[in-house]
N, C-alpha and C. Protein backbone atom coordinates (compact mmCIF):
# COMPACT_ATOMS: atom_id res chain seq x y z
N MET A 1 131.19 -62.25 4.68
CA MET A 1 131.97 -60.74 4.71
C MET A 1 131.25 -60.19 6.13
N ALA A 2 131.66 -58.97 5.87
CA ALA A 2 132.02 -58.36 7.48
C ALA A 2 130.70 -57.49 7.93
N ALA A 3 130.10 -57.40 9.25
CA ALA A 3 128.92 -55.80 9.28
C ALA A 3 130.61 -54.47 9.18
N VAL A 4 129.10 -53.63 8.70
CA VAL A 4 128.99 -52.42 8.44
C VAL A 4 130.06 -51.81 10.06
N SER A 5 129.39 -52.21 10.86
CA SER A 5 129.38 -51.98 11.66
C SER A 5 130.58 -52.12 12.80
N GLN A 6 131.22 -52.34 12.01
CA GLN A 6 133.06 -53.45 12.21
C GLN A 6 133.64 -51.69 12.80
N VAL A 7 133.47 -50.99 11.33
CA VAL A 7 134.14 -49.83 11.19
C VAL A 7 133.25 -48.47 11.64
N ASP A 8 134.06 -47.53 11.46
CA ASP A 8 133.96 -46.12 11.10
C ASP A 8 132.29 -46.55 10.02
N SER A 9 131.34 -45.69 10.59
CA SER A 9 130.56 -45.56 9.68
C SER A 9 130.26 -44.80 8.98
N ARG A 10 130.99 -43.71 8.39
CA ARG A 10 131.59 -43.70 6.83
C ARG A 10 131.73 -43.96 6.14
N TRP A 11 132.31 -45.81 5.99
CA TRP A 11 132.26 -46.46 5.31
C TRP A 11 130.92 -47.34 4.75
N ALA A 12 129.48 -47.14 5.67
CA ALA A 12 128.30 -47.91 5.10
C ALA A 12 128.85 -47.11 3.24
N LYS A 13 128.38 -45.70 3.14
CA LYS A 13 128.00 -45.52 1.86
C LYS A 13 128.35 -46.07 1.07
N TRP A 14 129.85 -46.61 0.75
CA TRP A 14 130.12 -47.44 -0.39
C TRP A 14 129.63 -48.56 -0.26
N ILE A 15 129.28 -49.88 0.69
CA ILE A 15 128.25 -50.46 0.37
C ILE A 15 127.84 -50.94 -0.18
N GLY A 16 127.34 -51.47 -1.08
CA GLY A 16 126.03 -52.18 -1.80
C GLY A 16 125.94 -51.71 -3.50
N ILE A 17 126.95 -50.30 -4.00
CA ILE A 17 126.98 -50.44 -4.86
C ILE A 17 127.08 -51.16 -5.42
N PRO A 18 126.72 -51.00 -7.06
CA PRO A 18 126.59 -52.48 -7.85
C PRO A 18 128.14 -52.14 -9.08
N PHE A 19 128.26 -53.24 -9.28
CA PHE A 19 129.44 -53.36 -10.25
C PHE A 19 129.00 -53.47 -11.33
N LYS A 20 129.92 -52.19 -12.29
CA LYS A 20 129.51 -51.85 -13.55
C LYS A 20 130.85 -51.93 -14.27
N ASP A 21 131.10 -52.93 -15.84
CA ASP A 21 132.62 -52.73 -15.67
C ASP A 21 132.84 -51.21 -16.34
N ARG A 22 133.82 -51.16 -15.70
CA ARG A 22 135.16 -49.74 -16.07
C ARG A 22 133.78 -48.30 -15.41
N GLY A 23 133.22 -48.57 -14.56
CA GLY A 23 132.20 -47.32 -13.58
C GLY A 23 133.34 -47.00 -12.23
N ARG A 24 133.00 -45.46 -12.73
CA ARG A 24 133.67 -44.74 -11.95
C ARG A 24 132.81 -43.74 -10.73
N SER A 25 131.50 -44.43 -11.10
CA SER A 25 130.55 -43.72 -10.25
C SER A 25 130.11 -44.65 -9.03
N LYS A 26 129.09 -43.70 -8.48
CA LYS A 26 127.82 -44.54 -7.13
C LYS A 26 127.10 -45.32 -7.57
N ASP A 27 127.12 -45.05 -8.91
CA ASP A 27 125.45 -46.11 -10.08
C ASP A 27 126.00 -47.38 -10.01
N GLY A 28 127.26 -47.09 -10.01
CA GLY A 28 128.20 -48.09 -10.16
C GLY A 28 129.44 -48.44 -10.45
N VAL A 29 130.76 -49.49 -10.35
CA VAL A 29 132.08 -49.26 -10.13
C VAL A 29 132.37 -50.54 -10.11
N ASP A 30 133.99 -50.93 -11.04
CA ASP A 30 134.47 -52.28 -10.56
C ASP A 30 135.37 -51.99 -10.11
N CYS A 31 136.19 -52.83 -9.85
CA CYS A 31 137.26 -53.14 -8.59
C CYS A 31 137.60 -52.05 -8.66
N PHE A 32 138.50 -51.77 -9.11
CA PHE A 32 139.69 -49.61 -9.00
C PHE A 32 138.67 -49.17 -8.77
N GLY A 33 137.72 -48.83 -10.08
CA GLY A 33 136.68 -47.93 -10.25
C GLY A 33 136.46 -47.08 -8.30
N LEU A 34 135.77 -48.55 -7.80
CA LEU A 34 135.60 -48.08 -6.55
C LEU A 34 136.80 -47.87 -5.66
N VAL A 35 138.09 -48.60 -5.47
CA VAL A 35 139.22 -47.33 -5.02
C VAL A 35 139.55 -46.70 -5.03
N TRP A 36 138.74 -46.27 -6.81
CA TRP A 36 139.37 -44.47 -7.55
C TRP A 36 138.63 -43.06 -6.15
N LEU A 37 137.39 -44.28 -6.78
CA LEU A 37 136.46 -42.89 -6.10
C LEU A 37 136.67 -43.04 -4.66
N ALA A 38 137.26 -43.81 -3.70
CA ALA A 38 137.12 -43.68 -2.39
C ALA A 38 137.84 -42.95 -2.12
N LEU A 39 138.33 -43.04 -2.44
CA LEU A 39 140.53 -42.38 -2.32
C LEU A 39 140.21 -41.45 -2.37
N PHE A 40 139.73 -41.12 -3.73
CA PHE A 40 139.29 -39.56 -3.83
C PHE A 40 138.40 -38.87 -2.90
N GLU A 41 137.90 -39.64 -2.00
CA GLU A 41 136.26 -38.71 -1.82
C GLU A 41 137.06 -39.46 -0.02
N GLU A 42 137.35 -39.95 0.29
CA GLU A 42 138.12 -40.37 1.81
C GLU A 42 138.96 -39.56 1.66
N PHE A 43 140.07 -39.61 1.73
CA PHE A 43 141.85 -39.39 1.33
C PHE A 43 142.16 -38.03 0.80
N GLY A 44 142.00 -38.05 0.41
CA GLY A 44 141.51 -36.78 -0.60
C GLY A 44 142.41 -37.44 -2.71
N LEU A 45 143.26 -38.25 -2.59
CA LEU A 45 143.94 -38.99 -3.46
C LEU A 45 143.36 -38.78 -5.18
N ARG A 46 144.15 -37.41 -5.91
CA ARG A 46 143.47 -38.31 -6.92
C ARG A 46 144.28 -39.07 -7.57
N VAL A 47 144.33 -40.28 -7.99
CA VAL A 47 144.65 -41.27 -8.76
C VAL A 47 143.92 -41.35 -10.50
N PRO A 48 145.02 -41.91 -10.77
CA PRO A 48 144.73 -41.71 -11.87
C PRO A 48 143.56 -42.97 -12.27
N SER A 49 142.41 -42.51 -13.14
CA SER A 49 141.43 -43.35 -13.31
C SER A 49 141.64 -44.90 -13.96
N TYR A 50 142.65 -45.06 -14.84
CA TYR A 50 142.75 -45.88 -15.48
C TYR A 50 141.71 -46.75 -16.73
N ALA A 51 140.46 -45.91 -16.11
CA ALA A 51 139.36 -46.10 -17.68
C ALA A 51 139.56 -47.07 -18.53
N GLU A 52 140.10 -46.19 -18.67
CA GLU A 52 139.95 -46.04 -19.98
C GLU A 52 141.90 -46.71 -21.52
N GLU A 53 142.56 -47.47 -20.37
CA GLU A 53 143.54 -48.49 -20.45
C GLU A 53 142.92 -49.62 -20.58
N TYR A 54 141.59 -50.56 -20.33
CA TYR A 54 141.38 -51.34 -20.83
C TYR A 54 140.45 -51.48 -21.28
N ALA A 55 140.25 -52.44 -22.21
CA ALA A 55 139.18 -52.69 -22.75
C ALA A 55 137.55 -53.08 -21.82
N ASP A 56 138.05 -54.03 -20.51
CA ASP A 56 136.83 -54.35 -19.83
C ASP A 56 137.30 -54.93 -18.27
N ALA A 57 136.39 -55.10 -17.81
CA ALA A 57 137.08 -55.55 -16.26
C ALA A 57 137.02 -57.40 -16.73
N TYR A 58 136.54 -57.68 -18.19
CA TYR A 58 136.50 -59.86 -18.00
C TYR A 58 138.31 -59.50 -18.50
N ASP A 59 138.43 -58.54 -18.81
CA ASP A 59 139.92 -59.16 -19.21
C ASP A 59 140.67 -58.83 -18.44
N ARG A 60 141.13 -60.26 -17.94
CA ARG A 60 141.99 -60.70 -16.93
C ARG A 60 143.36 -60.66 -17.62
N VAL A 61 143.97 -61.29 -18.26
CA VAL A 61 145.66 -60.15 -18.19
C VAL A 61 145.67 -59.31 -19.37
N GLU A 62 145.02 -58.79 -19.98
CA GLU A 62 144.95 -57.36 -19.93
C GLU A 62 145.04 -56.32 -18.74
N VAL A 63 143.97 -56.41 -18.13
CA VAL A 63 143.93 -56.05 -16.35
C VAL A 63 145.48 -56.59 -15.60
N ALA A 64 145.99 -57.35 -15.36
CA ALA A 64 146.98 -58.16 -15.17
C ALA A 64 147.97 -57.41 -15.08
N GLY A 65 148.35 -56.64 -16.81
CA GLY A 65 149.57 -55.60 -17.18
C GLY A 65 149.32 -54.80 -16.88
N LEU A 66 148.37 -54.00 -16.95
CA LEU A 66 148.04 -52.56 -16.20
C LEU A 66 148.75 -52.72 -14.91
N ILE A 67 147.74 -53.31 -14.26
CA ILE A 67 148.32 -53.09 -12.83
C ILE A 67 150.19 -53.82 -12.50
N ALA A 68 150.37 -54.29 -13.50
CA ALA A 68 152.40 -55.00 -13.18
C ALA A 68 153.10 -53.46 -13.74
N GLY A 69 152.45 -52.80 -14.53
CA GLY A 69 152.91 -51.84 -15.16
C GLY A 69 153.63 -50.25 -14.12
N GLU A 70 151.47 -50.55 -13.59
CA GLU A 70 150.99 -49.28 -12.83
C GLU A 70 152.11 -49.21 -11.69
N VAL A 71 152.37 -51.03 -11.14
CA VAL A 71 152.70 -50.58 -9.63
C VAL A 71 153.80 -50.86 -9.75
N VAL A 72 154.51 -50.97 -10.62
CA VAL A 72 156.52 -50.28 -10.78
C VAL A 72 156.35 -48.77 -10.80
N SER A 73 155.61 -48.59 -11.24
CA SER A 73 155.59 -47.13 -11.36
C SER A 73 154.70 -45.25 -10.57
N ARG A 74 154.03 -45.89 -9.87
CA ARG A 74 153.40 -45.47 -9.58
C ARG A 74 152.72 -45.54 -8.13
N TRP A 75 153.44 -46.78 -7.77
CA TRP A 75 152.96 -47.13 -6.09
C TRP A 75 153.88 -47.54 -6.27
N ARG A 76 153.93 -47.92 -4.42
CA ARG A 76 154.65 -48.02 -3.45
C ARG A 76 154.42 -49.27 -2.61
N PRO A 77 155.62 -50.54 -2.85
CA PRO A 77 154.93 -51.65 -2.16
C PRO A 77 154.78 -51.58 -0.79
N ILE A 78 154.02 -52.34 0.11
CA ILE A 78 154.36 -52.17 1.79
C ILE A 78 153.98 -52.90 2.06
N ALA A 79 154.91 -53.69 3.02
CA ALA A 79 155.59 -54.84 4.17
C ALA A 79 153.56 -55.09 4.59
N ALA A 80 153.81 -56.53 4.52
CA ALA A 80 151.76 -56.98 4.92
C ALA A 80 153.05 -56.40 6.46
N GLY A 81 151.55 -56.43 7.69
CA GLY A 81 152.01 -55.94 8.57
C GLY A 81 152.11 -53.79 8.80
N GLU A 82 152.40 -53.72 7.59
CA GLU A 82 152.10 -51.99 8.37
C GLU A 82 151.49 -51.84 6.53
N GLU A 83 150.33 -52.28 6.52
CA GLU A 83 149.08 -51.92 6.26
C GLU A 83 148.59 -50.75 7.01
N GLN A 84 147.93 -49.59 6.10
CA GLN A 84 147.25 -48.55 6.66
C GLN A 84 146.23 -48.66 5.86
N PRO A 85 144.83 -47.98 6.32
CA PRO A 85 143.60 -47.19 5.91
C PRO A 85 143.50 -46.47 4.30
N GLY A 86 144.00 -46.62 3.48
CA GLY A 86 143.89 -45.87 2.47
C GLY A 86 145.07 -46.90 1.55
N ASP A 87 145.11 -47.90 2.11
CA ASP A 87 146.27 -48.83 1.13
C ASP A 87 145.73 -50.17 0.22
N VAL A 88 145.97 -50.05 -1.04
CA VAL A 88 145.25 -50.65 -1.86
C VAL A 88 145.82 -51.74 -2.29
N LEU A 89 144.38 -53.39 -2.11
CA LEU A 89 144.71 -55.03 -2.04
C LEU A 89 145.63 -55.07 -3.08
N VAL A 90 146.31 -55.69 -3.43
CA VAL A 90 146.10 -56.16 -5.07
C VAL A 90 146.02 -57.78 -4.74
N PHE A 91 145.12 -58.28 -5.61
CA PHE A 91 144.54 -60.42 -5.24
C PHE A 91 144.60 -61.06 -6.77
N ARG A 92 144.94 -61.91 -6.95
CA ARG A 92 145.57 -63.03 -7.66
C ARG A 92 144.03 -63.36 -7.85
N MET A 93 143.78 -63.63 -8.79
CA MET A 93 142.14 -63.81 -9.47
C MET A 93 142.40 -65.05 -10.60
N LEU A 94 142.33 -66.53 -10.19
CA LEU A 94 142.83 -67.56 -11.73
C LEU A 94 144.00 -67.05 -11.92
N TRP A 95 145.08 -66.92 -11.10
CA TRP A 95 146.64 -67.09 -11.34
C TRP A 95 146.97 -65.74 -11.65
N ARG A 96 145.73 -64.66 -11.72
CA ARG A 96 147.05 -63.08 -12.32
C ARG A 96 146.50 -61.93 -11.09
N PRO A 97 147.56 -61.68 -11.15
CA PRO A 97 147.12 -59.95 -9.94
C PRO A 97 145.90 -58.87 -11.39
N SER A 98 144.47 -59.63 -10.75
CA SER A 98 143.55 -59.27 -11.47
C SER A 98 142.45 -58.44 -10.56
N HIS A 99 142.86 -57.86 -9.18
CA HIS A 99 141.54 -57.63 -8.34
C HIS A 99 142.31 -56.85 -7.48
N VAL A 100 141.04 -55.65 -7.27
CA VAL A 100 142.09 -54.25 -6.09
C VAL A 100 140.76 -54.51 -5.18
N GLY A 101 141.30 -54.45 -4.23
CA GLY A 101 140.45 -53.68 -2.87
C GLY A 101 141.33 -52.38 -2.27
N LEU A 102 140.37 -52.69 -1.26
CA LEU A 102 141.06 -50.76 -0.12
C LEU A 102 141.08 -50.83 1.03
N ILE A 103 142.36 -51.42 1.68
CA ILE A 103 141.77 -50.95 2.63
C ILE A 103 141.50 -50.01 3.68
N ILE A 104 140.22 -50.46 5.12
CA ILE A 104 139.39 -49.31 5.16
C ILE A 104 139.58 -49.45 6.82
N ALA A 105 140.17 -50.78 7.80
CA ALA A 105 140.45 -50.55 8.60
C ALA A 105 141.63 -51.49 8.83
N HIS A 106 141.85 -51.99 9.96
CA HIS A 106 142.95 -53.47 10.17
C HIS A 106 142.31 -55.34 9.41
N SER A 107 142.72 -55.36 8.43
CA SER A 107 142.61 -56.77 8.23
C SER A 107 140.56 -56.27 7.16
N LEU A 108 140.19 -55.41 7.44
CA LEU A 108 139.01 -55.60 6.74
C LEU A 108 139.21 -54.11 5.55
N PHE A 109 138.25 -54.52 4.21
CA PHE A 109 138.56 -54.42 2.63
C PHE A 109 137.71 -53.75 2.65
N ILE A 110 136.90 -53.08 1.31
CA ILE A 110 136.19 -52.83 0.61
C ILE A 110 135.94 -53.55 -1.09
N HIS A 111 135.21 -53.59 -1.45
CA HIS A 111 135.56 -54.07 -3.02
C HIS A 111 134.78 -54.53 -3.36
N CYS A 112 134.47 -54.52 -4.77
CA CYS A 112 133.29 -54.52 -6.10
C CYS A 112 134.30 -56.05 -7.38
N ARG A 113 133.22 -56.68 -7.33
CA ARG A 113 133.80 -57.74 -8.17
C ARG A 113 131.92 -58.41 -8.54
N GLU A 114 132.29 -58.39 -10.28
CA GLU A 114 131.09 -59.57 -11.73
C GLU A 114 130.23 -59.82 -9.98
N GLY A 115 129.18 -59.38 -10.10
CA GLY A 115 128.39 -59.94 -10.06
C GLY A 115 128.14 -60.39 -8.75
N VAL A 116 128.92 -59.14 -7.38
CA VAL A 116 128.49 -58.70 -6.61
C VAL A 116 128.60 -58.00 -5.80
N ASN A 117 127.91 -56.84 -5.49
CA ASN A 117 127.75 -55.02 -5.30
C ASN A 117 129.29 -55.06 -4.56
N SER A 118 129.85 -54.15 -3.97
CA SER A 118 131.25 -53.76 -2.99
C SER A 118 130.28 -54.32 -1.58
N CYS A 119 131.16 -54.66 -2.05
CA CYS A 119 130.73 -55.09 0.39
C CYS A 119 131.99 -54.88 0.51
N LEU A 120 131.58 -55.43 2.22
CA LEU A 120 133.44 -55.48 3.30
C LEU A 120 133.83 -56.25 3.46
N GLU A 121 135.12 -57.01 3.74
CA GLU A 121 135.66 -58.77 4.07
C GLU A 121 136.61 -58.29 4.74
N HIS A 122 136.98 -59.41 4.95
CA HIS A 122 138.31 -59.63 6.10
C HIS A 122 139.65 -60.16 4.71
N TYR A 123 140.14 -59.23 5.10
CA TYR A 123 141.89 -59.93 3.71
C TYR A 123 142.06 -61.00 4.63
N ASP A 124 142.25 -61.48 5.86
CA ASP A 124 143.47 -62.16 6.12
C ASP A 124 142.17 -62.83 6.29
N ALA A 125 140.88 -63.67 6.05
CA ALA A 125 139.91 -64.75 5.76
C ALA A 125 140.79 -65.22 5.13
N PRO A 126 140.54 -66.68 4.67
CA PRO A 126 141.22 -67.55 4.27
C PRO A 126 141.02 -67.94 2.72
N SER A 127 139.07 -67.02 2.19
CA SER A 127 139.31 -66.87 0.65
C SER A 127 139.69 -65.73 0.65
N TRP A 128 140.62 -64.95 1.10
CA TRP A 128 141.52 -63.35 0.27
C TRP A 128 143.07 -64.05 1.42
N ARG A 129 143.51 -64.38 1.96
CA ARG A 129 145.01 -63.82 1.94
C ARG A 129 145.83 -64.72 1.38
N HIS A 130 145.54 -66.25 0.67
CA HIS A 130 146.25 -66.68 -0.05
C HIS A 130 146.33 -65.95 -1.55
N ARG A 131 145.25 -64.80 -1.89
CA ARG A 131 145.46 -64.25 -3.32
C ARG A 131 146.36 -63.15 -3.26
N ILE A 132 146.37 -62.56 -1.67
CA ILE A 132 146.75 -61.34 -1.95
C ILE A 132 148.34 -61.09 -2.92
N GLU A 133 148.90 -60.72 -3.80
CA GLU A 133 149.98 -60.48 -4.83
C GLU A 133 150.31 -59.38 -4.01
N GLY A 134 149.65 -58.94 -3.61
CA GLY A 134 150.57 -57.32 -2.58
C GLY A 134 150.17 -56.06 -1.72
N ILE A 135 150.50 -55.62 -1.04
CA ILE A 135 149.68 -54.08 -0.89
C ILE A 135 150.65 -52.91 -1.51
N TYR A 136 149.74 -51.98 -1.88
CA TYR A 136 150.40 -50.66 -1.95
C TYR A 136 149.67 -49.32 -1.41
N ARG A 137 150.74 -48.57 -1.45
CA ARG A 137 150.35 -47.50 -0.71
C ARG A 137 151.01 -45.81 -2.69
N TYR A 138 149.78 -45.31 -3.06
CA TYR A 138 149.79 -44.31 -4.21
C TYR A 138 151.31 -43.45 -3.81
N ALA A 139 152.31 -42.85 -4.52
CA ALA A 139 153.46 -42.37 -4.24
C ALA A 139 153.13 -41.28 -6.10
N GLY A 140 151.95 -41.57 -6.29
CA GLY A 140 152.06 -40.30 -7.62
C GLY A 140 153.32 -40.38 -8.64
């Protein structure tokens, strides 16, 4: 994992938030809950919460279907190398696009997943770069 000191200190408050299925507050978040909260608080973007759109964050098939449907209608694909802070990474987990993270700086993203509090990592690291399904910017 990357050190918070590598980026603007404003991101420190996003590290260590506990995982909570369909969570949308700093008391607990799932992967999209973290993205949703940070996009609003740091970038002023009001994106849909999607919390009511899936039964739980553990259902990868349902989450993958939601991601596929929403990416087409509300999110614009961004070419690798063109990403900016505030863009969303979609990752394949168990061969399905079912995990997201928020780019906060070149090669750095924040994310949260079951069993791991929100953290900062390099998306170009071997453990993540082969899982990237796409990079997206909210187009509303």
